[in-house]
């Protein structure tokens, strides 16, 4: 008597290649992609250069106000501006005037111009009246010059000093600064080195000074 054999059907070959932004614990090719993002500023190899996932610069600037007497160096009043909420700046690609990062979900990686060290840069414009404009540019690029244009220090004294007000003689280097954070390194045919794997937070306190000697 012949033995009946049930056919196994087509072979279920595991899918080992997934598009950007997709994972599968079961490795089942019929499973739909997850709606998610990789971690902020995740790096990978792209077409002729590094690629970077969406990330944000989250920042806030607080101020302390000190008022000196008109005839002495005695501090008469000390106050502080309201503690503001965080602001969010979406980086642009390759330069301060580039295209904004794609923040859709599922995430697509943003192509950068070349391989090498990848940095997030941002610049300040503290005399802007609108708080949201006091970080006026933010971008991701490969390489670039070191961020040496830090906001200048404030010397000890009692003379008036105002970073935020546009109609004073406070020097530009007290108002305009350039900063950067190294996100990692993507070199051709080498493993990616990820140095920073979250949104970038920048929170600082600045000094305002009124009264006293001129």
N, C-alpha and C. Protein backbone atom coordinates (compact mmCIF):
# COMPACT_ATOMS: atom_id res chain seq x y z
N UNK A 1 0.85 -1.19 0.00
CA UNK A 1 0.00 0.00 0.00
C UNK A 1 0.88 1.24 0.00
N UNK A 2 0.64 2.17 -0.96
CA UNK A 2 1.53 3.35 -1.05
C UNK A 2 1.31 4.29 0.14
N UNK A 3 2.37 4.97 0.50
CA UNK A 3 2.32 5.95 1.59
C UNK A 3 2.05 7.33 1.00
N UNK A 4 1.03 8.03 1.52
CA UNK A 4 0.70 9.37 1.04
C UNK A 4 1.60 10.39 1.74
N UNK A 5 2.21 11.25 0.96
CA UNK A 5 3.11 12.28 1.51
C UNK A 5 2.54 13.66 1.21
N UNK A 6 2.39 14.46 2.24
CA UNK A 6 1.91 15.84 2.08
C UNK A 6 3.08 16.75 1.73
N UNK A 7 2.93 17.48 0.64
CA UNK A 7 4.00 18.37 0.20
C UNK A 7 4.21 19.50 1.20
N UNK A 8 5.45 19.83 1.42
CA UNK A 8 5.77 20.88 2.40
C UNK A 8 5.46 22.27 1.86
N UNK A 9 5.32 22.42 0.57
CA UNK A 9 5.08 23.74 0.01
C UNK A 9 6.39 24.46 -0.27
N UNK A 10 6.29 25.70 -0.72
CA UNK A 10 7.51 26.44 -1.06
C UNK A 10 8.38 26.68 0.18
N UNK A 11 9.67 26.65 -0.06
CA UNK A 11 10.61 26.84 1.04
C UNK A 11 10.54 28.27 1.56
N UNK A 12 10.45 28.40 2.89
CA UNK A 12 10.38 29.72 3.52
C UNK A 12 11.81 30.18 3.82
N UNK A 13 12.38 30.91 2.89
CA UNK A 13 13.76 31.36 3.05
C UNK A 13 13.78 32.66 3.85
N UNK A 14 14.53 32.71 4.94
CA UNK A 14 14.57 33.94 5.75
C UNK A 14 15.10 35.11 4.95
N UNK A 15 14.50 36.25 5.17
CA UNK A 15 14.94 37.48 4.51
C UNK A 15 15.97 38.16 5.39
N UNK A 16 17.20 38.20 4.93
CA UNK A 16 18.27 38.79 5.74
C UNK A 16 18.57 40.23 5.37
N UNK A 17 17.90 40.77 4.38
CA UNK A 17 18.14 42.16 3.99
C UNK A 17 16.89 42.98 4.18
N UNK A 18 16.96 43.97 5.05
CA UNK A 18 15.81 44.80 5.35
C UNK A 18 16.09 46.23 4.92
N UNK A 19 15.09 46.93 4.43
CA UNK A 19 15.30 48.34 4.06
C UNK A 19 15.60 49.19 5.30
N UNK A 20 16.05 50.38 5.07
CA UNK A 20 16.39 51.29 6.17
C UNK A 20 15.16 51.49 7.06
N UNK A 21 15.40 51.41 8.37
CA UNK A 21 14.32 51.66 9.32
C UNK A 21 13.44 50.47 9.59
N UNK A 22 13.83 49.23 9.19
CA UNK A 22 12.99 48.06 9.42
C UNK A 22 13.78 46.99 10.16
N UNK A 23 13.11 46.36 11.14
CA UNK A 23 13.68 45.21 11.84
C UNK A 23 12.63 44.12 11.92
N UNK A 24 13.08 42.90 12.20
CA UNK A 24 12.16 41.78 12.33
C UNK A 24 12.75 40.74 13.25
N UNK A 25 12.13 40.55 14.42
CA UNK A 25 12.63 39.55 15.35
C UNK A 25 12.44 38.14 14.83
N UNK A 26 11.34 37.90 14.11
CA UNK A 26 11.05 36.57 13.59
C UNK A 26 11.72 36.31 12.26
N UNK A 27 12.25 37.35 11.63
CA UNK A 27 12.90 37.20 10.33
C UNK A 27 11.96 36.59 9.29
N UNK A 28 10.72 37.02 9.33
CA UNK A 28 9.69 36.50 8.44
C UNK A 28 9.46 37.50 7.31
N UNK A 29 9.68 37.08 6.06
CA UNK A 29 9.57 38.04 4.95
C UNK A 29 8.16 38.57 4.75
N UNK A 30 7.14 37.91 5.30
CA UNK A 30 5.77 38.39 5.15
C UNK A 30 5.41 39.43 6.20
N UNK A 31 6.27 39.65 7.17
CA UNK A 31 5.96 40.58 8.27
C UNK A 31 6.10 42.02 7.79
N UNK A 32 5.11 42.91 8.06
CA UNK A 32 5.22 44.30 7.59
C UNK A 32 6.28 45.06 8.38
N UNK A 33 6.84 46.11 7.80
CA UNK A 33 7.86 46.90 8.51
C UNK A 33 7.27 47.62 9.71
N UNK A 34 8.07 47.78 10.75
CA UNK A 34 7.66 48.53 11.92
C UNK A 34 7.70 50.03 11.62
N UNK A 35 6.81 50.76 12.24
CA UNK A 35 6.78 52.21 12.09
C UNK A 35 7.60 52.83 13.22
N UNK A 36 8.87 53.04 12.97
CA UNK A 36 9.75 53.50 14.04
C UNK A 36 10.90 54.30 13.45
N UNK A 37 11.67 54.93 14.32
CA UNK A 37 12.90 55.58 13.93
C UNK A 37 14.07 54.87 14.61
N UNK A 38 15.24 54.92 14.00
CA UNK A 38 16.45 54.53 14.74
C UNK A 38 16.76 55.62 15.76
N UNK A 39 17.79 55.41 16.58
CA UNK A 39 18.12 56.44 17.56
C UNK A 39 18.55 57.72 16.85
N UNK A 40 18.43 58.84 17.54
CA UNK A 40 18.74 60.14 16.95
C UNK A 40 20.19 60.18 16.47
N UNK A 41 20.38 60.74 15.29
CA UNK A 41 21.70 60.93 14.67
C UNK A 41 22.44 59.61 14.42
N UNK A 42 21.70 58.52 14.23
CA UNK A 42 22.33 57.24 13.88
C UNK A 42 23.05 57.39 12.55
N UNK A 43 24.26 56.85 12.47
CA UNK A 43 25.10 56.97 11.28
C UNK A 43 25.18 55.63 10.52
N UNK A 44 25.36 55.71 9.22
CA UNK A 44 25.54 54.52 8.41
C UNK A 44 26.25 54.93 7.11
N UNK A 45 26.67 53.92 6.33
CA UNK A 45 27.30 54.18 5.04
C UNK A 45 26.21 54.49 4.01
N UNK A 46 26.51 55.47 3.15
CA UNK A 46 25.59 55.83 2.10
C UNK A 46 26.24 55.74 0.74
N UNK A 47 25.70 56.47 -0.20
CA UNK A 47 26.19 56.49 -1.57
C UNK A 47 27.28 57.55 -1.71
N UNK A 48 28.54 57.14 -1.54
CA UNK A 48 29.64 58.07 -1.65
C UNK A 48 29.86 58.94 -0.44
N UNK A 49 29.23 58.58 0.68
CA UNK A 49 29.40 59.37 1.89
C UNK A 49 28.56 58.84 3.03
N UNK A 50 28.67 59.48 4.17
CA UNK A 50 27.91 59.07 5.35
C UNK A 50 26.43 59.41 5.21
N UNK A 51 25.60 58.68 5.94
CA UNK A 51 24.18 59.01 6.06
C UNK A 51 23.86 59.14 7.54
N UNK A 52 22.90 60.01 7.87
CA UNK A 52 22.55 60.28 9.26
C UNK A 52 21.05 60.30 9.42
N UNK A 53 20.58 59.69 10.52
CA UNK A 53 19.15 59.67 10.82
C UNK A 53 18.74 60.98 11.48
N UNK A 54 17.44 61.20 11.52
CA UNK A 54 16.87 62.43 12.09
C UNK A 54 17.24 62.59 13.56
N UNK A 55 17.60 63.81 13.94
CA UNK A 55 17.86 64.16 15.32
C UNK A 55 17.56 65.64 15.51
N UNK A 56 17.57 66.11 16.76
CA UNK A 56 17.21 67.48 17.06
C UNK A 56 18.24 68.12 17.99
N UNK A 57 18.38 69.44 17.90
CA UNK A 57 19.06 70.21 18.92
C UNK A 57 17.99 70.77 19.84
N UNK A 58 18.05 70.41 21.12
CA UNK A 58 17.09 70.87 22.12
C UNK A 58 17.83 71.84 23.03
N UNK A 59 17.36 73.10 23.13
CA UNK A 59 18.17 74.10 23.80
C UNK A 59 17.32 75.08 24.61
N UNK A 60 17.99 75.75 25.54
CA UNK A 60 17.36 76.83 26.31
C UNK A 60 18.46 77.76 26.80
N UNK A 61 18.13 79.03 26.96
CA UNK A 61 19.06 80.03 27.46
C UNK A 61 18.36 80.80 28.58
N UNK A 62 18.92 80.76 29.78
CA UNK A 62 18.41 81.52 30.92
C UNK A 62 19.34 82.70 31.18
N UNK A 63 18.85 83.70 31.90
CA UNK A 63 19.66 84.89 32.18
C UNK A 63 19.49 85.32 33.63
N UNK A 64 20.61 85.76 34.22
CA UNK A 64 20.61 86.37 35.55
C UNK A 64 20.89 87.86 35.38
N UNK A 65 20.07 88.72 36.02
CA UNK A 65 20.20 90.17 35.92
C UNK A 65 20.76 90.72 37.23
N UNK A 66 21.85 91.47 37.12
CA UNK A 66 22.47 92.10 38.29
C UNK A 66 22.45 93.62 38.09
N UNK A 67 21.96 94.34 39.11
CA UNK A 67 21.90 95.81 39.03
C UNK A 67 22.79 96.40 40.11
N UNK A 68 23.72 97.27 39.68
CA UNK A 68 24.63 97.96 40.60
C UNK A 68 24.11 99.37 40.86
N UNK A 69 24.47 99.90 42.04
CA UNK A 69 24.13 101.28 42.36
C UNK A 69 24.83 102.26 41.45
N UNK A 70 24.27 103.46 41.32
CA UNK A 70 24.82 104.43 40.37
C UNK A 70 26.10 105.09 40.85
N UNK A 71 26.37 105.08 42.14
CA UNK A 71 27.55 105.76 42.67
C UNK A 71 28.54 104.81 43.33
N UNK A 72 28.29 103.52 43.27
CA UNK A 72 29.20 102.58 43.91
C UNK A 72 29.16 101.26 43.17
N UNK A 73 30.00 100.35 43.62
CA UNK A 73 30.01 99.01 43.03
C UNK A 73 29.20 98.02 43.86
N UNK A 74 28.30 98.52 44.66
CA UNK A 74 27.48 97.66 45.50
C UNK A 74 26.30 97.13 44.70
N UNK A 75 26.08 95.83 44.77
CA UNK A 75 24.94 95.22 44.10
C UNK A 75 23.67 95.60 44.83
N UNK A 76 22.74 96.23 44.11
CA UNK A 76 21.47 96.63 44.72
C UNK A 76 20.37 95.61 44.47
N UNK A 77 20.36 95.02 43.28
CA UNK A 77 19.29 94.08 42.94
C UNK A 77 19.85 92.94 42.11
N UNK A 78 19.30 91.76 42.35
CA UNK A 78 19.62 90.59 41.54
C UNK A 78 18.31 89.91 41.15
N UNK A 79 18.16 89.62 39.90
CA UNK A 79 16.95 88.95 39.43
C UNK A 79 17.28 87.91 38.37
N UNK A 80 16.27 87.19 37.95
CA UNK A 80 16.46 86.17 36.92
C UNK A 80 15.27 86.18 35.99
N UNK A 81 15.56 86.07 34.71
CA UNK A 81 14.49 85.96 33.72
C UNK A 81 13.68 84.69 33.97
N UNK A 82 12.46 84.68 33.45
CA UNK A 82 11.62 83.49 33.58
C UNK A 82 12.34 82.27 33.02
N UNK A 83 12.17 81.13 33.70
CA UNK A 83 12.78 79.88 33.23
C UNK A 83 11.97 79.39 32.03
N UNK A 84 12.53 79.54 30.87
CA UNK A 84 11.80 79.23 29.64
C UNK A 84 11.78 77.73 29.37
N UNK A 85 10.82 77.32 28.56
CA UNK A 85 10.76 75.93 28.11
C UNK A 85 11.86 75.67 27.09
N UNK A 86 12.09 74.41 26.81
CA UNK A 86 13.08 74.06 25.79
C UNK A 86 12.59 74.47 24.40
N UNK A 87 13.54 74.87 23.58
CA UNK A 87 13.30 75.11 22.16
C UNK A 87 13.90 73.95 21.37
N UNK A 88 13.34 73.69 20.20
CA UNK A 88 13.82 72.61 19.33
C UNK A 88 14.23 73.19 18.00
N UNK A 89 15.42 72.84 17.56
CA UNK A 89 15.92 73.27 16.25
C UNK A 89 16.17 72.03 15.41
N UNK A 90 15.56 71.97 14.22
CA UNK A 90 15.76 70.84 13.32
C UNK A 90 16.96 71.13 12.43
N UNK A 91 17.97 70.28 12.44
CA UNK A 91 19.18 70.55 11.65
C UNK A 91 18.92 70.50 10.15
N UNK A 92 19.75 71.24 9.42
CA UNK A 92 19.79 71.12 7.98
C UNK A 92 20.99 70.24 7.60
N UNK A 93 21.08 69.90 6.33
CA UNK A 93 22.09 68.95 5.85
C UNK A 93 23.22 69.68 5.12
N UNK A 94 24.46 69.39 5.54
CA UNK A 94 25.70 69.83 4.89
C UNK A 94 26.07 71.29 5.12
N UNK A 95 25.12 72.16 5.43
CA UNK A 95 25.43 73.57 5.68
C UNK A 95 24.26 74.23 6.39
N UNK A 96 24.49 75.46 6.84
CA UNK A 96 23.43 76.19 7.55
C UNK A 96 22.28 76.56 6.62
N UNK A 97 22.48 76.49 5.32
CA UNK A 97 21.44 76.82 4.35
C UNK A 97 20.94 75.59 3.59
N UNK A 98 21.30 74.39 4.06
CA UNK A 98 20.89 73.17 3.38
C UNK A 98 19.42 72.82 3.63
N UNK A 99 19.02 71.67 3.12
CA UNK A 99 17.65 71.19 3.31
C UNK A 99 17.47 70.63 4.72
N UNK A 100 16.31 70.88 5.35
CA UNK A 100 16.07 70.33 6.70
C UNK A 100 16.06 68.80 6.67
N UNK A 101 16.45 68.20 7.79
CA UNK A 101 16.39 66.74 7.93
C UNK A 101 14.96 66.24 7.76
N UNK A 102 14.83 65.07 7.19
CA UNK A 102 13.53 64.43 7.01
C UNK A 102 13.10 63.81 8.34
N UNK A 103 11.97 64.25 8.87
CA UNK A 103 11.50 63.75 10.17
C UNK A 103 10.28 62.85 10.06
N UNK A 104 9.98 62.33 8.85
CA UNK A 104 8.86 61.43 8.69
C UNK A 104 9.15 60.07 9.33
N UNK A 105 8.09 59.33 9.63
CA UNK A 105 8.21 57.98 10.18
C UNK A 105 7.51 57.02 9.22
N UNK A 106 8.10 55.86 8.82
CA UNK A 106 9.41 55.39 9.26
C UNK A 106 10.53 56.27 8.72
N UNK A 107 11.61 56.32 9.45
CA UNK A 107 12.66 57.27 9.16
C UNK A 107 13.45 56.88 7.92
N UNK A 108 13.83 57.88 7.14
CA UNK A 108 14.81 57.69 6.08
C UNK A 108 16.08 58.41 6.48
N UNK A 109 17.21 57.83 6.12
CA UNK A 109 18.49 58.44 6.46
C UNK A 109 18.81 59.57 5.47
N UNK A 110 19.46 60.61 5.97
CA UNK A 110 19.81 61.77 5.17
C UNK A 110 21.24 61.64 4.65
N UNK A 111 21.41 61.80 3.35
CA UNK A 111 22.72 61.64 2.72
C UNK A 111 23.58 62.87 2.95
N UNK A 112 24.83 62.64 3.41
CA UNK A 112 25.79 63.72 3.60
C UNK A 112 26.82 63.71 2.48
N UNK A 113 27.53 64.82 2.36
CA UNK A 113 28.47 65.00 1.27
C UNK A 113 29.86 64.54 1.69
N UNK A 114 30.12 63.23 1.59
CA UNK A 114 31.45 62.71 1.87
C UNK A 114 31.53 61.86 3.13
N UNK A 115 32.69 61.22 3.28
CA UNK A 115 32.99 60.40 4.45
C UNK A 115 33.87 61.17 5.42
N UNK A 116 33.95 60.65 6.65
CA UNK A 116 34.82 61.27 7.65
C UNK A 116 34.09 61.51 8.96
N UNK A 117 34.63 62.42 9.77
CA UNK A 117 34.01 62.78 11.04
C UNK A 117 32.75 63.59 10.79
N UNK A 118 31.67 63.22 11.49
CA UNK A 118 30.36 63.88 11.30
C UNK A 118 30.06 64.72 12.54
N UNK A 119 29.70 65.98 12.32
CA UNK A 119 29.45 66.92 13.42
C UNK A 119 28.07 67.55 13.30
N UNK A 120 27.50 67.86 14.48
CA UNK A 120 26.35 68.75 14.56
C UNK A 120 26.86 70.12 14.98
N UNK A 121 26.58 71.15 14.18
CA UNK A 121 26.97 72.53 14.45
C UNK A 121 25.73 73.35 14.82
N UNK A 122 25.93 74.41 15.63
CA UNK A 122 24.89 75.42 15.80
C UNK A 122 25.53 76.77 16.11
N UNK A 123 24.80 77.84 15.76
CA UNK A 123 25.29 79.20 15.97
C UNK A 123 24.27 80.02 16.74
N UNK A 124 24.75 81.03 17.46
CA UNK A 124 23.87 81.88 18.26
C UNK A 124 23.79 83.28 17.67
N UNK A 125 22.65 83.92 17.92
CA UNK A 125 22.43 85.33 17.57
C UNK A 125 21.64 85.93 18.73
N UNK A 126 22.33 86.23 19.83
CA UNK A 126 21.66 86.54 21.10
C UNK A 126 20.91 87.86 21.10
N UNK A 127 21.20 88.75 20.16
CA UNK A 127 20.49 90.02 20.14
C UNK A 127 19.12 89.94 19.48
N UNK A 128 18.76 88.77 18.95
CA UNK A 128 17.42 88.59 18.38
C UNK A 128 16.36 88.74 19.48
N UNK A 129 15.31 89.50 19.20
CA UNK A 129 14.27 89.72 20.21
C UNK A 129 13.48 88.45 20.50
N UNK A 130 13.23 87.67 19.49
CA UNK A 130 12.47 86.43 19.66
C UNK A 130 13.41 85.34 20.20
N UNK A 131 13.10 84.81 21.37
CA UNK A 131 13.94 83.78 21.99
C UNK A 131 14.21 82.62 21.05
N UNK A 132 13.21 82.20 20.28
CA UNK A 132 13.38 81.04 19.40
C UNK A 132 14.42 81.27 18.32
N UNK A 133 14.78 82.54 18.05
CA UNK A 133 15.75 82.85 17.01
C UNK A 133 17.16 83.03 17.56
N UNK A 134 17.36 82.88 18.87
CA UNK A 134 18.68 83.12 19.45
C UNK A 134 19.65 81.98 19.18
N UNK A 135 19.16 80.82 18.81
CA UNK A 135 19.97 79.83 18.10
C UNK A 135 19.47 79.89 16.67
N UNK A 136 20.25 80.52 15.79
CA UNK A 136 19.72 80.88 14.48
C UNK A 136 20.02 79.88 13.38
N UNK A 137 20.94 78.95 13.62
CA UNK A 137 21.25 77.94 12.60
C UNK A 137 21.74 76.67 13.28
N UNK A 138 21.45 75.54 12.65
CA UNK A 138 21.86 74.24 13.17
C UNK A 138 21.96 73.29 11.98
N UNK A 139 23.09 72.58 11.84
CA UNK A 139 23.25 71.71 10.68
C UNK A 139 24.20 70.56 11.00
N UNK A 140 24.12 69.51 10.18
CA UNK A 140 25.01 68.35 10.26
C UNK A 140 25.90 68.34 9.03
N UNK A 141 27.19 68.17 9.22
CA UNK A 141 28.09 68.09 8.08
C UNK A 141 29.28 67.19 8.42
N UNK A 142 29.97 66.76 7.37
CA UNK A 142 31.19 65.99 7.52
C UNK A 142 32.36 66.98 7.58
N UNK A 143 33.17 66.86 8.62
CA UNK A 143 34.34 67.72 8.76
C UNK A 143 33.97 69.13 9.14
N UNK A 144 34.78 70.07 8.68
CA UNK A 144 34.59 71.47 9.03
C UNK A 144 35.63 71.93 10.02
N UNK A 145 35.71 73.24 10.19
CA UNK A 145 36.70 73.81 11.10
C UNK A 145 36.24 73.66 12.54
N UNK A 146 37.16 73.59 13.49
CA UNK A 146 36.77 73.52 14.90
C UNK A 146 35.91 74.71 15.31
N UNK A 147 35.01 74.49 16.24
CA UNK A 147 34.11 75.55 16.71
C UNK A 147 34.86 76.41 17.73
N UNK A 148 35.65 77.35 17.23
CA UNK A 148 36.46 78.18 18.11
C UNK A 148 35.77 79.50 18.47
N UNK A 149 34.64 79.81 17.85
CA UNK A 149 33.95 81.08 18.09
C UNK A 149 32.99 80.94 19.27
N UNK A 150 33.54 80.65 20.45
CA UNK A 150 32.70 80.56 21.64
C UNK A 150 32.26 81.96 22.08
N UNK A 151 31.11 82.05 22.74
CA UNK A 151 30.68 83.32 23.31
C UNK A 151 31.74 83.79 24.30
N UNK A 152 32.17 85.03 24.16
CA UNK A 152 33.28 85.55 24.95
C UNK A 152 32.91 85.64 26.44
N UNK A 153 33.92 85.51 27.29
CA UNK A 153 33.73 85.60 28.74
C UNK A 153 33.35 87.03 29.14
N UNK A 154 32.73 87.17 30.31
CA UNK A 154 32.36 88.48 30.85
C UNK A 154 33.35 88.83 31.96
N UNK A 155 34.02 89.97 31.83
CA UNK A 155 35.00 90.36 32.83
C UNK A 155 34.30 90.84 34.11
N UNK A 156 35.02 90.77 35.22
CA UNK A 156 34.51 91.26 36.49
C UNK A 156 34.37 92.78 36.45
N UNK A 157 33.26 93.29 36.95
CA UNK A 157 33.06 94.74 36.95
C UNK A 157 31.63 95.09 37.27
N UNK A 158 31.33 96.40 37.21
CA UNK A 158 29.98 96.86 37.51
C UNK A 158 29.37 97.67 36.37
N UNK A 159 30.07 97.77 35.26
CA UNK A 159 29.54 98.51 34.11
C UNK A 159 28.44 97.71 33.43
N UNK A 160 27.59 98.44 32.70
CA UNK A 160 26.50 97.78 32.01
C UNK A 160 26.99 96.77 30.99
N UNK A 161 26.26 95.66 30.90
CA UNK A 161 26.64 94.59 29.95
C UNK A 161 25.37 93.89 29.51
N UNK A 162 25.13 93.85 28.20
CA UNK A 162 23.87 93.30 27.68
C UNK A 162 24.14 92.45 26.45
N UNK A 163 23.92 91.16 26.56
CA UNK A 163 24.06 90.28 25.40
C UNK A 163 22.81 90.30 24.53
N UNK A 164 21.65 90.52 25.15
CA UNK A 164 20.38 90.31 24.46
C UNK A 164 19.84 91.55 23.75
N UNK A 165 20.34 92.73 24.07
CA UNK A 165 19.73 93.94 23.54
C UNK A 165 20.52 94.46 22.34
N UNK A 166 19.86 94.66 21.20
CA UNK A 166 20.57 95.03 19.97
C UNK A 166 21.09 96.47 19.95
N UNK A 167 20.60 97.35 20.84
CA UNK A 167 20.95 98.77 20.76
C UNK A 167 22.00 99.15 21.80
N UNK A 168 22.93 98.27 22.09
CA UNK A 168 24.03 98.56 23.00
C UNK A 168 25.34 98.30 22.28
N UNK A 169 26.43 98.70 22.93
CA UNK A 169 27.75 98.54 22.29
C UNK A 169 28.44 97.24 22.68
N UNK A 170 27.70 96.28 23.22
CA UNK A 170 28.29 94.98 23.55
C UNK A 170 28.88 94.35 22.29
N UNK A 171 30.11 93.88 22.40
CA UNK A 171 30.83 93.37 21.23
C UNK A 171 30.13 92.14 20.64
N UNK A 172 30.35 91.95 19.33
CA UNK A 172 29.71 90.84 18.63
C UNK A 172 30.13 89.49 19.18
N UNK A 173 31.39 89.38 19.65
CA UNK A 173 31.83 88.06 20.14
C UNK A 173 31.16 87.67 21.46
N UNK A 174 30.40 88.59 22.07
CA UNK A 174 29.57 88.25 23.21
C UNK A 174 28.17 87.80 22.79
N UNK A 175 27.85 87.99 21.52
CA UNK A 175 26.51 87.68 21.03
C UNK A 175 26.48 86.49 20.07
N UNK A 176 27.55 86.32 19.30
CA UNK A 176 27.58 85.33 18.22
C UNK A 176 28.61 84.25 18.55
N UNK A 177 28.17 83.01 18.62
CA UNK A 177 29.06 81.89 18.90
C UNK A 177 28.76 80.72 17.98
N UNK A 178 29.76 79.85 17.81
CA UNK A 178 29.59 78.64 17.01
C UNK A 178 30.04 77.44 17.85
N UNK A 179 29.20 76.42 17.91
CA UNK A 179 29.49 75.24 18.72
C UNK A 179 29.27 73.99 17.87
N UNK A 180 29.91 72.89 18.30
CA UNK A 180 29.69 71.64 17.58
C UNK A 180 29.85 70.45 18.52
N UNK A 181 29.21 69.36 18.16
CA UNK A 181 29.31 68.07 18.85
C UNK A 181 29.64 67.01 17.80
N UNK A 182 30.63 66.18 18.09
CA UNK A 182 30.97 65.11 17.15
C UNK A 182 29.99 63.96 17.33
N UNK A 183 29.30 63.63 16.24
CA UNK A 183 28.33 62.54 16.26
C UNK A 183 28.99 61.18 16.05
N UNK A 184 30.07 61.15 15.28
CA UNK A 184 30.76 59.88 15.02
C UNK A 184 31.59 59.99 13.76
N UNK A 185 32.05 58.84 13.29
CA UNK A 185 32.92 58.78 12.11
C UNK A 185 32.42 57.69 11.17
N UNK A 186 32.29 58.04 9.91
CA UNK A 186 31.92 57.07 8.87
C UNK A 186 32.99 57.14 7.79
N UNK A 187 33.84 56.12 7.74
CA UNK A 187 34.88 56.03 6.70
C UNK A 187 34.53 54.89 5.76
N UNK A 188 34.90 55.03 4.51
CA UNK A 188 34.60 54.03 3.50
C UNK A 188 35.26 52.70 3.83
N UNK A 189 34.47 51.61 3.75
CA UNK A 189 34.94 50.24 3.97
C UNK A 189 35.43 50.01 5.41
N UNK A 190 34.99 50.83 6.36
CA UNK A 190 35.32 50.64 7.77
C UNK A 190 34.04 50.67 8.60
N UNK A 191 34.11 50.08 9.79
CA UNK A 191 32.95 50.09 10.67
C UNK A 191 32.63 51.51 11.11
N UNK A 192 31.34 51.78 11.27
CA UNK A 192 30.89 53.09 11.73
C UNK A 192 31.25 53.26 13.21
N UNK A 193 31.76 54.43 13.56
CA UNK A 193 32.03 54.78 14.96
C UNK A 193 31.00 55.81 15.39
N UNK A 194 30.12 55.41 16.31
CA UNK A 194 29.05 56.29 16.78
C UNK A 194 29.44 56.87 18.13
N UNK A 195 29.69 58.18 18.19
CA UNK A 195 30.10 58.83 19.43
C UNK A 195 28.94 59.43 20.20
N UNK A 196 27.88 59.83 19.51
CA UNK A 196 26.72 60.45 20.17
C UNK A 196 25.48 59.79 19.61
N UNK A 197 24.58 59.34 20.50
CA UNK A 197 23.45 58.53 20.05
C UNK A 197 22.13 59.01 20.65
N UNK A 198 21.95 60.32 20.75
CA UNK A 198 20.68 60.87 21.23
C UNK A 198 20.54 62.29 20.69
N UNK A 199 19.37 62.90 20.90
CA UNK A 199 19.26 64.33 20.60
C UNK A 199 20.31 65.08 21.40
N UNK A 200 20.72 66.24 20.89
CA UNK A 200 21.73 67.06 21.56
C UNK A 200 21.03 68.12 22.39
N UNK A 201 21.41 68.23 23.68
CA UNK A 201 20.82 69.20 24.59
C UNK A 201 21.86 70.26 24.93
N UNK A 202 21.45 71.53 24.82
CA UNK A 202 22.33 72.66 25.15
C UNK A 202 21.55 73.62 26.03
N UNK A 203 21.95 73.70 27.29
CA UNK A 203 21.27 74.57 28.26
C UNK A 203 22.33 75.42 28.93
N UNK A 204 22.16 76.75 28.89
CA UNK A 204 23.18 77.63 29.43
C UNK A 204 22.55 78.81 30.15
N UNK A 205 23.33 79.45 31.03
CA UNK A 205 22.90 80.62 31.78
C UNK A 205 23.83 81.79 31.44
N UNK A 206 23.23 82.94 31.06
CA UNK A 206 24.01 84.11 30.69
C UNK A 206 23.77 85.25 31.68
N UNK A 207 24.72 86.20 31.71
CA UNK A 207 24.71 87.32 32.65
C UNK A 207 24.30 88.60 31.95
N UNK A 208 23.38 89.34 32.57
CA UNK A 208 23.03 90.69 32.15
C UNK A 208 23.35 91.63 33.33
N UNK A 209 23.92 92.82 33.04
CA UNK A 209 24.36 93.71 34.13
C UNK A 209 23.98 95.14 33.80
N UNK A 210 23.35 95.83 34.76
CA UNK A 210 22.94 97.21 34.55
C UNK A 210 23.43 98.09 35.70
N UNK A 211 23.40 99.42 35.46
CA UNK A 211 23.80 100.38 36.48
C UNK A 211 25.30 100.44 36.66
N UNK A 212 25.73 100.99 37.80
CA UNK A 212 27.13 101.05 38.11
C UNK A 212 27.86 102.06 37.27
N UNK A 213 29.19 101.93 37.23
CA UNK A 213 30.02 102.85 36.46
C UNK A 213 29.90 102.55 34.99
N UNK A 214 30.11 103.53 34.16
CA UNK A 214 29.96 103.38 32.71
C UNK A 214 31.34 103.26 32.08
